[in-house]
Amino acid sequence: MGLWISLSMQWDSSLKTSPHRVTGRLHVTHTCCQPLVVLYGGLSALIAEGMASLGAHLASGFQGVAGIHLSINHVKRSELGDLVLARATPVNAGKTIQSYELDVFGSMWVRHLPITWFMAILGQVWEVRLWKIDPSNSRSKSLVSSSRVTLLCNMPLPEYGKAASENIRRHAKL
């Protein structure tokens, strides 16, 4: 959680939270970059799980949540100075999840969905996408990464997590 809090200092005031969507923008700084001056892939994963966990925490009525599966595809690089838009939305916020994924290849295009079957009790699946956006034209954007995060929900909230939960509750749009 410490790294997520540290990273949140890089977020601008656009971070919006609700049980149905979490969005925000991140300016790619040296702190966010690997030596080749592009956004760390691991940072995309941190953003994906952090935003999905935040949304799942809200959607579960402020119960404890834990990420149990993360799948991420990096499709384009984001460089130092870029503005990145991140949006997390629930795919399934039910009590039981059954998710089937498979590889499908066509002659003109490739659709990649890794082969997995997953079932979790009291869980949620969130989709998180990051886009690089043109600061002068917010409608101009290109996909940087796409993620799916599965979280176990309705867990007891530990004592040390209650202060963070209260802070989230104050800023959430419920």
N, C-alpha and C. Protein backbone atom coordinates (compact mmCIF):
# COMPACT_ATOMS: atom_id res chain seq x y z
N MET A 1 0.82 -1.20 0.00
CA MET A 1 0.00 0.00 0.00
C MET A 1 0.86 1.25 0.00
N GLY A 2 2.06 1.18 0.59
CA GLY A 2 2.93 2.34 0.65
C GLY A 2 3.30 2.86 -0.72
N LEU A 3 3.61 1.93 -1.67
CA LEU A 3 3.96 2.36 -3.02
C LEU A 3 2.76 2.99 -3.71
N TRP A 4 1.56 2.44 -3.51
CA TRP A 4 0.35 3.02 -4.10
C TRP A 4 0.13 4.43 -3.58
N ILE A 5 0.33 4.63 -2.28
CA ILE A 5 0.18 5.97 -1.70
C ILE A 5 1.25 6.90 -2.26
N SER A 6 2.49 6.41 -2.36
CA SER A 6 3.57 7.22 -2.92
C SER A 6 3.26 7.59 -4.36
N LEU A 7 2.76 6.64 -5.14
CA LEU A 7 2.41 6.90 -6.53
C LEU A 7 1.27 7.90 -6.62
N SER A 8 0.34 7.85 -5.67
CA SER A 8 -0.82 8.73 -5.73
C SER A 8 -0.41 10.20 -5.71
N MET A 9 0.78 10.49 -5.21
CA MET A 9 1.26 11.87 -5.23
C MET A 9 1.48 12.34 -6.67
N GLN A 10 1.67 11.39 -7.59
CA GLN A 10 1.88 11.72 -9.00
C GLN A 10 0.56 11.98 -9.73
N TRP A 11 -0.55 11.53 -9.15
CA TRP A 11 -1.85 11.70 -9.79
C TRP A 11 -2.27 13.16 -9.71
N ASP A 12 -2.95 13.62 -10.74
CA ASP A 12 -3.49 14.98 -10.64
C ASP A 12 -4.85 14.92 -9.96
N SER A 13 -5.53 16.01 -9.89
CA SER A 13 -6.81 16.07 -9.16
C SER A 13 -7.94 15.36 -9.87
N SER A 14 -7.65 14.65 -10.96
CA SER A 14 -8.71 14.00 -11.74
C SER A 14 -9.16 12.66 -11.16
N LEU A 15 -8.52 12.15 -10.12
CA LEU A 15 -8.90 10.84 -9.58
C LEU A 15 -10.34 10.88 -9.08
N LYS A 16 -11.19 10.05 -9.69
CA LYS A 16 -12.61 9.97 -9.34
C LYS A 16 -12.93 8.53 -8.97
N THR A 17 -13.69 8.35 -7.90
CA THR A 17 -14.00 7.00 -7.44
C THR A 17 -15.50 6.82 -7.25
N SER A 18 -15.98 5.63 -7.60
CA SER A 18 -17.35 5.21 -7.32
C SER A 18 -17.36 3.69 -7.36
N PRO A 19 -18.45 3.05 -6.91
CA PRO A 19 -18.53 1.59 -6.98
C PRO A 19 -18.62 1.07 -8.42
N HIS A 20 -18.84 1.96 -9.39
CA HIS A 20 -19.04 1.55 -10.78
C HIS A 20 -17.89 1.95 -11.70
N ARG A 21 -17.02 2.85 -11.23
CA ARG A 21 -15.91 3.30 -12.07
C ARG A 21 -14.90 4.07 -11.23
N VAL A 22 -13.63 3.83 -11.54
CA VAL A 22 -12.54 4.60 -10.94
C VAL A 22 -11.72 5.14 -12.12
N THR A 23 -11.51 6.45 -12.16
CA THR A 23 -10.74 7.04 -13.25
C THR A 23 -9.71 8.01 -12.69
N GLY A 24 -8.68 8.22 -13.46
CA GLY A 24 -7.66 9.19 -13.08
C GLY A 24 -6.66 9.37 -14.20
N ARG A 25 -5.85 10.41 -14.08
CA ARG A 25 -4.80 10.68 -15.06
C ARG A 25 -3.47 10.72 -14.34
N LEU A 26 -2.44 10.27 -15.02
CA LEU A 26 -1.10 10.25 -14.46
C LEU A 26 -0.15 10.90 -15.45
N HIS A 27 0.63 11.86 -14.99
CA HIS A 27 1.69 12.44 -15.81
C HIS A 27 2.91 11.54 -15.65
N VAL A 28 3.44 11.02 -16.74
CA VAL A 28 4.59 10.12 -16.68
C VAL A 28 5.84 10.95 -16.38
N THR A 29 6.39 10.74 -15.18
CA THR A 29 7.59 11.45 -14.73
C THR A 29 8.76 10.47 -14.67
N HIS A 30 9.95 10.96 -14.34
CA HIS A 30 11.12 10.09 -14.20
C HIS A 30 10.86 9.00 -13.16
N THR A 31 10.11 9.32 -12.12
CA THR A 31 9.79 8.34 -11.07
C THR A 31 9.03 7.15 -11.64
N CYS A 32 8.24 7.36 -12.69
CA CYS A 32 7.40 6.33 -13.29
C CYS A 32 8.11 5.54 -14.38
N CYS A 33 9.31 5.96 -14.77
CA CYS A 33 9.98 5.40 -15.95
C CYS A 33 11.09 4.42 -15.62
N GLN A 34 11.31 3.48 -16.53
CA GLN A 34 12.47 2.61 -16.49
C GLN A 34 13.64 3.33 -17.17
N PRO A 35 14.85 2.77 -17.15
CA PRO A 35 16.00 3.46 -17.73
C PRO A 35 15.84 3.89 -19.20
N LEU A 36 14.99 3.21 -19.96
CA LEU A 36 14.77 3.59 -21.36
C LEU A 36 13.76 4.74 -21.49
N VAL A 37 13.40 5.35 -20.39
CA VAL A 37 12.52 6.52 -20.30
C VAL A 37 11.12 6.22 -20.85
N VAL A 38 10.64 5.01 -20.57
CA VAL A 38 9.25 4.64 -20.86
C VAL A 38 8.62 4.15 -19.56
N LEU A 39 7.30 4.21 -19.50
CA LEU A 39 6.55 3.80 -18.31
C LEU A 39 6.86 2.35 -17.95
N TYR A 40 7.18 2.09 -16.69
CA TYR A 40 7.40 0.73 -16.21
C TYR A 40 6.14 -0.09 -16.45
N GLY A 41 6.30 -1.30 -16.99
CA GLY A 41 5.17 -2.21 -17.14
C GLY A 41 4.58 -2.59 -15.79
N GLY A 42 5.45 -2.75 -14.80
CA GLY A 42 4.99 -3.08 -13.46
C GLY A 42 4.14 -1.98 -12.85
N LEU A 43 4.40 -0.75 -13.25
CA LEU A 43 3.60 0.36 -12.75
C LEU A 43 2.18 0.28 -13.31
N SER A 44 2.06 -0.14 -14.58
CA SER A 44 0.72 -0.35 -15.15
C SER A 44 -0.03 -1.40 -14.35
N ALA A 45 0.68 -2.45 -13.94
CA ALA A 45 0.06 -3.51 -13.12
C ALA A 45 -0.33 -2.97 -11.75
N LEU A 46 0.53 -2.15 -11.15
CA LEU A 46 0.22 -1.54 -9.85
C LEU A 46 -1.02 -0.65 -9.96
N ILE A 47 -1.09 0.14 -11.02
CA ILE A 47 -2.26 1.00 -11.23
C ILE A 47 -3.51 0.15 -11.40
N ALA A 48 -3.41 -0.91 -12.21
CA ALA A 48 -4.56 -1.78 -12.46
C ALA A 48 -5.09 -2.39 -11.17
N GLU A 49 -4.21 -3.01 -10.39
CA GLU A 49 -4.68 -3.65 -9.16
C GLU A 49 -5.13 -2.63 -8.13
N GLY A 50 -4.42 -1.51 -8.04
CA GLY A 50 -4.80 -0.47 -7.08
C GLY A 50 -6.16 0.12 -7.37
N MET A 51 -6.41 0.46 -8.65
CA MET A 51 -7.70 1.06 -9.00
C MET A 51 -8.83 0.05 -8.87
N ALA A 52 -8.59 -1.20 -9.30
CA ALA A 52 -9.63 -2.23 -9.17
C ALA A 52 -9.92 -2.51 -7.70
N SER A 53 -8.90 -2.55 -6.87
CA SER A 53 -9.11 -2.78 -5.43
C SER A 53 -9.90 -1.64 -4.80
N LEU A 54 -9.59 -0.42 -5.21
CA LEU A 54 -10.32 0.74 -4.70
C LEU A 54 -11.79 0.65 -5.07
N GLY A 55 -12.09 0.35 -6.34
CA GLY A 55 -13.47 0.21 -6.79
C GLY A 55 -14.18 -0.95 -6.11
N ALA A 56 -13.49 -2.08 -5.97
CA ALA A 56 -14.09 -3.25 -5.33
C ALA A 56 -14.38 -2.98 -3.85
N HIS A 57 -13.49 -2.24 -3.21
CA HIS A 57 -13.70 -1.86 -1.80
C HIS A 57 -14.98 -1.03 -1.67
N LEU A 58 -15.19 -0.11 -2.60
CA LEU A 58 -16.41 0.70 -2.59
C LEU A 58 -17.63 -0.16 -2.89
N ALA A 59 -17.54 -1.00 -3.94
CA ALA A 59 -18.68 -1.80 -4.38
C ALA A 59 -19.08 -2.85 -3.34
N SER A 60 -18.14 -3.28 -2.50
CA SER A 60 -18.46 -4.29 -1.50
C SER A 60 -18.92 -3.68 -0.18
N GLY A 61 -19.17 -2.38 -0.17
CA GLY A 61 -19.62 -1.73 1.06
C GLY A 61 -18.50 -1.53 2.05
N PHE A 62 -17.30 -1.25 1.55
CA PHE A 62 -16.12 -0.97 2.38
C PHE A 62 -15.61 -2.18 3.14
N GLN A 63 -15.80 -3.37 2.56
CA GLN A 63 -15.24 -4.60 3.12
C GLN A 63 -13.80 -4.75 2.63
N GLY A 64 -13.06 -5.63 3.25
CA GLY A 64 -11.70 -5.92 2.81
C GLY A 64 -11.72 -6.64 1.47
N VAL A 65 -10.75 -6.36 0.62
CA VAL A 65 -10.62 -7.02 -0.68
C VAL A 65 -9.16 -7.45 -0.86
N ALA A 66 -8.95 -8.46 -1.70
CA ALA A 66 -7.59 -8.92 -1.99
C ALA A 66 -7.53 -9.35 -3.45
N GLY A 67 -6.55 -8.84 -4.18
CA GLY A 67 -6.36 -9.26 -5.56
C GLY A 67 -5.90 -10.70 -5.60
N ILE A 68 -6.55 -11.53 -6.44
CA ILE A 68 -6.17 -12.93 -6.54
C ILE A 68 -5.76 -13.33 -7.95
N HIS A 69 -5.96 -12.45 -8.93
CA HIS A 69 -5.51 -12.73 -10.30
C HIS A 69 -5.38 -11.42 -11.05
N LEU A 70 -4.27 -11.25 -11.76
CA LEU A 70 -4.05 -10.06 -12.57
C LEU A 70 -3.52 -10.50 -13.92
N SER A 71 -4.14 -10.04 -14.97
CA SER A 71 -3.70 -10.30 -16.33
C SER A 71 -3.57 -8.95 -17.02
N ILE A 72 -2.42 -8.70 -17.63
CA ILE A 72 -2.20 -7.39 -18.26
C ILE A 72 -1.52 -7.57 -19.61
N ASN A 73 -1.96 -6.81 -20.58
CA ASN A 73 -1.36 -6.77 -21.91
C ASN A 73 -0.87 -5.36 -22.17
N HIS A 74 0.42 -5.23 -22.47
CA HIS A 74 0.98 -3.93 -22.83
C HIS A 74 0.98 -3.84 -24.35
N VAL A 75 0.23 -2.92 -24.91
CA VAL A 75 0.08 -2.84 -26.36
C VAL A 75 0.79 -1.65 -26.99
N LYS A 76 1.16 -0.68 -26.20
CA LYS A 76 1.86 0.48 -26.72
C LYS A 76 2.65 1.10 -25.58
N ARG A 77 3.77 1.73 -25.90
CA ARG A 77 4.56 2.34 -24.84
C ARG A 77 4.10 3.75 -24.54
N SER A 78 4.31 4.15 -23.31
CA SER A 78 4.04 5.51 -22.89
C SER A 78 5.37 6.07 -22.40
N GLU A 79 5.71 7.28 -22.84
CA GLU A 79 7.04 7.83 -22.58
C GLU A 79 7.00 8.97 -21.57
N LEU A 80 8.18 9.34 -21.11
CA LEU A 80 8.35 10.46 -20.19
C LEU A 80 7.62 11.69 -20.74
N GLY A 81 6.81 12.31 -19.90
CA GLY A 81 6.07 13.51 -20.30
C GLY A 81 4.66 13.23 -20.79
N ASP A 82 4.36 11.96 -21.13
CA ASP A 82 3.01 11.63 -21.61
C ASP A 82 2.00 11.79 -20.48
N LEU A 83 0.76 12.03 -20.88
CA LEU A 83 -0.36 12.06 -19.95
C LEU A 83 -1.13 10.76 -20.17
N VAL A 84 -1.31 9.98 -19.11
CA VAL A 84 -1.96 8.67 -19.21
C VAL A 84 -3.30 8.72 -18.48
N LEU A 85 -4.35 8.27 -19.15
CA LEU A 85 -5.69 8.17 -18.57
C LEU A 85 -5.91 6.72 -18.16
N ALA A 86 -6.37 6.49 -16.94
CA ALA A 86 -6.67 5.14 -16.46
C ALA A 86 -8.14 5.07 -16.07
N ARG A 87 -8.79 3.98 -16.47
CA ARG A 87 -10.20 3.79 -16.14
C ARG A 87 -10.42 2.34 -15.72
N ALA A 88 -11.03 2.14 -14.56
CA ALA A 88 -11.35 0.80 -14.06
C ALA A 88 -12.86 0.67 -13.96
N THR A 89 -13.40 -0.40 -14.52
CA THR A 89 -14.84 -0.67 -14.44
C THR A 89 -15.05 -2.14 -14.10
N PRO A 90 -16.10 -2.45 -13.33
CA PRO A 90 -16.34 -3.86 -13.00
C PRO A 90 -16.88 -4.62 -14.20
N VAL A 91 -16.34 -5.81 -14.43
CA VAL A 91 -16.86 -6.71 -15.44
C VAL A 91 -17.96 -7.55 -14.81
N ASN A 92 -17.71 -8.00 -13.58
CA ASN A 92 -18.68 -8.77 -12.82
C ASN A 92 -18.47 -8.45 -11.35
N ALA A 93 -19.48 -7.95 -10.72
CA ALA A 93 -19.38 -7.61 -9.30
C ALA A 93 -20.35 -8.45 -8.49
N GLY A 94 -20.45 -9.74 -8.84
CA GLY A 94 -21.38 -10.62 -8.16
C GLY A 94 -20.74 -11.42 -7.05
N LYS A 95 -21.52 -12.35 -6.50
CA LYS A 95 -21.02 -13.18 -5.40
C LYS A 95 -20.21 -14.36 -5.91
N THR A 96 -20.47 -14.80 -7.14
CA THR A 96 -19.71 -15.91 -7.73
C THR A 96 -19.25 -15.50 -9.11
N ILE A 97 -18.00 -15.80 -9.43
CA ILE A 97 -17.46 -15.43 -10.74
C ILE A 97 -17.11 -16.70 -11.50
N GLN A 98 -17.51 -16.77 -12.73
CA GLN A 98 -17.04 -17.81 -13.63
C GLN A 98 -16.56 -17.10 -14.88
N SER A 99 -15.27 -17.18 -15.15
CA SER A 99 -14.69 -16.46 -16.27
C SER A 99 -14.00 -17.45 -17.19
N TYR A 100 -14.41 -17.47 -18.45
CA TYR A 100 -13.81 -18.35 -19.43
C TYR A 100 -13.09 -17.49 -20.45
N GLU A 101 -11.84 -17.85 -20.74
CA GLU A 101 -11.06 -17.09 -21.71
C GLU A 101 -10.34 -18.08 -22.62
N LEU A 102 -10.15 -17.71 -23.88
CA LEU A 102 -9.47 -18.59 -24.82
C LEU A 102 -8.76 -17.79 -25.89
N ASP A 103 -7.82 -18.44 -26.58
CA ASP A 103 -7.14 -17.81 -27.70
C ASP A 103 -7.96 -18.02 -28.96
N VAL A 104 -8.20 -16.95 -29.71
CA VAL A 104 -8.91 -17.03 -30.98
C VAL A 104 -8.05 -16.33 -32.02
N PHE A 105 -7.70 -17.01 -33.09
CA PHE A 105 -6.89 -16.41 -34.15
C PHE A 105 -7.68 -16.41 -35.43
N GLY A 106 -7.68 -15.28 -36.15
CA GLY A 106 -8.33 -15.18 -37.44
C GLY A 106 -7.31 -14.81 -38.49
N SER A 107 -7.67 -14.92 -39.76
CA SER A 107 -6.70 -14.65 -40.82
C SER A 107 -6.31 -13.18 -40.91
N MET A 108 -7.22 -12.26 -40.61
CA MET A 108 -6.94 -10.83 -40.75
C MET A 108 -6.59 -10.15 -39.43
N TRP A 109 -6.86 -10.80 -38.31
CA TRP A 109 -6.63 -10.17 -37.01
C TRP A 109 -6.36 -11.23 -35.97
N VAL A 110 -5.84 -10.82 -34.87
CA VAL A 110 -5.58 -11.74 -33.76
C VAL A 110 -6.29 -11.19 -32.54
N ARG A 111 -7.04 -12.04 -31.90
CA ARG A 111 -7.68 -11.67 -30.64
C ARG A 111 -7.05 -12.55 -29.57
N HIS A 112 -6.47 -11.95 -28.56
CA HIS A 112 -5.77 -12.73 -27.54
C HIS A 112 -6.52 -12.69 -26.22
N LEU A 113 -6.96 -13.85 -25.80
CA LEU A 113 -7.55 -14.02 -24.47
C LEU A 113 -6.95 -15.30 -23.90
N PRO A 114 -6.07 -15.25 -22.89
CA PRO A 114 -5.41 -16.46 -22.41
C PRO A 114 -6.40 -17.51 -21.92
N ILE A 115 -6.06 -18.77 -22.12
CA ILE A 115 -6.95 -19.87 -21.73
C ILE A 115 -6.90 -20.05 -20.22
N THR A 116 -7.99 -19.72 -19.55
CA THR A 116 -8.09 -19.96 -18.10
C THR A 116 -9.54 -20.19 -17.75
N TRP A 117 -9.78 -20.89 -16.69
CA TRP A 117 -11.11 -21.00 -16.11
C TRP A 117 -10.94 -20.68 -14.65
N PHE A 118 -11.76 -19.79 -14.15
CA PHE A 118 -11.56 -19.34 -12.78
C PHE A 118 -12.90 -19.20 -12.08
N MET A 119 -12.98 -19.63 -10.82
CA MET A 119 -14.19 -19.45 -10.03
C MET A 119 -13.78 -18.96 -8.65
N ALA A 120 -14.42 -17.92 -8.16
CA ALA A 120 -14.12 -17.39 -6.83
C ALA A 120 -15.43 -17.08 -6.12
N ILE A 121 -15.48 -17.31 -4.85
CA ILE A 121 -16.65 -17.00 -4.05
C ILE A 121 -16.53 -15.56 -3.55
N LEU A 122 -17.63 -14.83 -3.59
CA LEU A 122 -17.66 -13.45 -3.10
C LEU A 122 -16.59 -12.59 -3.77
N GLY A 123 -16.51 -12.67 -5.07
CA GLY A 123 -15.47 -11.94 -5.79
C GLY A 123 -15.99 -10.93 -6.78
N GLN A 124 -15.06 -10.19 -7.35
CA GLN A 124 -15.37 -9.21 -8.38
C GLN A 124 -14.27 -9.26 -9.43
N VAL A 125 -14.65 -8.99 -10.69
CA VAL A 125 -13.68 -8.87 -11.77
C VAL A 125 -13.78 -7.44 -12.29
N TRP A 126 -12.65 -6.75 -12.37
CA TRP A 126 -12.59 -5.38 -12.87
C TRP A 126 -11.69 -5.32 -14.09
N GLU A 127 -12.07 -4.50 -15.05
CA GLU A 127 -11.24 -4.26 -16.23
C GLU A 127 -10.63 -2.88 -16.09
N VAL A 128 -9.33 -2.77 -16.32
CA VAL A 128 -8.61 -1.50 -16.18
C VAL A 128 -7.88 -1.23 -17.48
N ARG A 129 -8.09 -0.07 -18.06
CA ARG A 129 -7.40 0.32 -19.29
C ARG A 129 -6.66 1.63 -19.08
N LEU A 130 -5.47 1.71 -19.66
CA LEU A 130 -4.67 2.93 -19.62
C LEU A 130 -4.49 3.43 -21.05
N TRP A 131 -4.77 4.72 -21.26
CA TRP A 131 -4.61 5.36 -22.56
C TRP A 131 -3.63 6.51 -22.45
N LYS A 132 -2.84 6.70 -23.48
CA LYS A 132 -2.01 7.90 -23.60
C LYS A 132 -2.90 8.93 -24.28
N ILE A 133 -3.02 10.13 -23.68
CA ILE A 133 -3.90 11.15 -24.26
C ILE A 133 -3.10 12.39 -24.64
N ASP A 134 -3.60 13.07 -25.65
CA ASP A 134 -3.01 14.32 -26.12
C ASP A 134 -3.55 15.43 -25.23
N PRO A 135 -2.69 16.13 -24.46
CA PRO A 135 -3.18 17.17 -23.55
C PRO A 135 -3.95 18.28 -24.26
N SER A 136 -3.66 18.51 -25.53
CA SER A 136 -4.37 19.57 -26.26
C SER A 136 -5.70 19.10 -26.83
N ASN A 137 -5.93 17.77 -26.86
CA ASN A 137 -7.18 17.23 -27.40
C ASN A 137 -7.49 15.94 -26.64
N SER A 138 -8.28 16.02 -25.59
CA SER A 138 -8.54 14.86 -24.73
C SER A 138 -9.28 13.73 -25.46
N ARG A 139 -9.85 14.00 -26.63
CA ARG A 139 -10.51 12.94 -27.39
C ARG A 139 -9.51 12.09 -28.16
N SER A 140 -8.30 12.59 -28.33
CA SER A 140 -7.26 11.86 -29.04
C SER A 140 -6.50 11.00 -28.03
N LYS A 141 -6.70 9.67 -28.10
CA LYS A 141 -6.04 8.79 -27.15
C LYS A 141 -5.67 7.48 -27.83
N SER A 142 -4.63 6.81 -27.30
CA SER A 142 -4.23 5.50 -27.80
C SER A 142 -4.02 4.57 -26.61
N LEU A 143 -4.48 3.34 -26.76
CA LEU A 143 -4.43 2.36 -25.67
C LEU A 143 -2.99 2.00 -25.35
N VAL A 144 -2.63 2.07 -24.06
CA VAL A 144 -1.30 1.70 -23.59
C VAL A 144 -1.33 0.29 -23.01
N SER A 145 -2.32 -0.01 -22.16
CA SER A 145 -2.43 -1.35 -21.60
C SER A 145 -3.87 -1.66 -21.23
N SER A 146 -4.17 -2.93 -21.20
CA SER A 146 -5.50 -3.42 -20.83
C SER A 146 -5.30 -4.52 -19.80
N SER A 147 -6.05 -4.47 -18.71
CA SER A 147 -5.86 -5.43 -17.61
C SER A 147 -7.20 -5.96 -17.13
N ARG A 148 -7.15 -7.14 -16.55
CA ARG A 148 -8.28 -7.70 -15.85
C ARG A 148 -7.81 -8.12 -14.47
N VAL A 149 -8.54 -7.69 -13.45
CA VAL A 149 -8.16 -7.97 -12.07
C VAL A 149 -9.31 -8.69 -11.39
N THR A 150 -9.04 -9.83 -10.79
CA THR A 150 -10.03 -10.57 -10.02
C THR A 150 -9.71 -10.37 -8.55
N LEU A 151 -10.73 -10.01 -7.76
CA LEU A 151 -10.52 -9.71 -6.35
C LEU A 151 -11.48 -10.51 -5.48
N LEU A 152 -10.98 -10.99 -4.38
CA LEU A 152 -11.80 -11.64 -3.36
C LEU A 152 -12.34 -10.54 -2.46
N CYS A 153 -13.65 -10.50 -2.24
CA CYS A 153 -14.29 -9.39 -1.52
C CYS A 153 -15.01 -9.88 -0.26
N ASN A 154 -15.59 -8.93 0.45
CA ASN A 154 -16.34 -9.18 1.68
C ASN A 154 -15.50 -9.87 2.75
N MET A 155 -14.23 -9.51 2.77
CA MET A 155 -13.33 -10.02 3.81
C MET A 155 -13.37 -9.04 4.98
N PRO A 156 -13.07 -9.51 6.18
CA PRO A 156 -13.02 -8.57 7.30
C PRO A 156 -11.91 -7.55 7.06
N LEU A 157 -12.19 -6.32 7.37
CA LEU A 157 -11.22 -5.25 7.20
C LEU A 157 -10.30 -5.24 8.42
N PRO A 158 -8.98 -5.40 8.22
CA PRO A 158 -8.09 -5.41 9.37
C PRO A 158 -8.05 -4.04 10.05
N GLU A 159 -7.73 -4.04 11.30
CA GLU A 159 -7.69 -2.80 12.10
C GLU A 159 -6.80 -1.75 11.44
N TYR A 160 -5.63 -2.16 10.92
CA TYR A 160 -4.70 -1.20 10.33
C TYR A 160 -5.20 -0.64 9.00
N GLY A 161 -6.25 -1.22 8.41
CA GLY A 161 -6.78 -0.72 7.14
C GLY A 161 -7.97 0.21 7.31
N LYS A 162 -8.47 0.36 8.51
CA LYS A 162 -9.68 1.16 8.73
C LYS A 162 -9.47 2.64 8.47
N ALA A 163 -8.32 3.19 8.79
CA ALA A 163 -8.06 4.62 8.53
C ALA A 163 -8.06 4.89 7.03
N ALA A 164 -7.43 4.00 6.26
CA ALA A 164 -7.41 4.17 4.80
C ALA A 164 -8.82 4.05 4.23
N SER A 165 -9.60 3.12 4.77
CA SER A 165 -10.98 2.94 4.31
C SER A 165 -11.82 4.19 4.58
N GLU A 166 -11.63 4.80 5.73
CA GLU A 166 -12.36 6.03 6.06
C GLU A 166 -11.98 7.16 5.10
N ASN A 167 -10.71 7.26 4.76
CA ASN A 167 -10.26 8.27 3.81
C ASN A 167 -10.90 8.04 2.44
N ILE A 168 -10.96 6.80 1.99
CA ILE A 168 -11.61 6.46 0.72
C ILE A 168 -13.08 6.83 0.78
N ARG A 169 -13.74 6.50 1.87
CA ARG A 169 -15.17 6.79 2.04
C ARG A 169 -15.45 8.29 1.91
N ARG A 170 -14.57 9.13 2.47
CA ARG A 170 -14.77 10.59 2.39
C ARG A 170 -14.71 11.12 0.96
N HIS A 171 -13.90 10.47 0.11
CA HIS A 171 -13.70 10.98 -1.25
C HIS A 171 -14.54 10.27 -2.31
N ALA A 172 -15.21 9.19 -1.94
CA ALA A 172 -15.96 8.39 -2.91
C ALA A 172 -17.29 9.05 -3.27
N LYS A 173 -17.69 8.85 -4.50
CA LYS A 173 -19.01 9.30 -4.96
C LYS A 173 -19.93 8.09 -4.91
N LEU A 174 -20.71 7.99 -3.84
CA LEU A 174 -21.58 6.82 -3.66
C LEU A 174 -23.00 7.12 -4.05
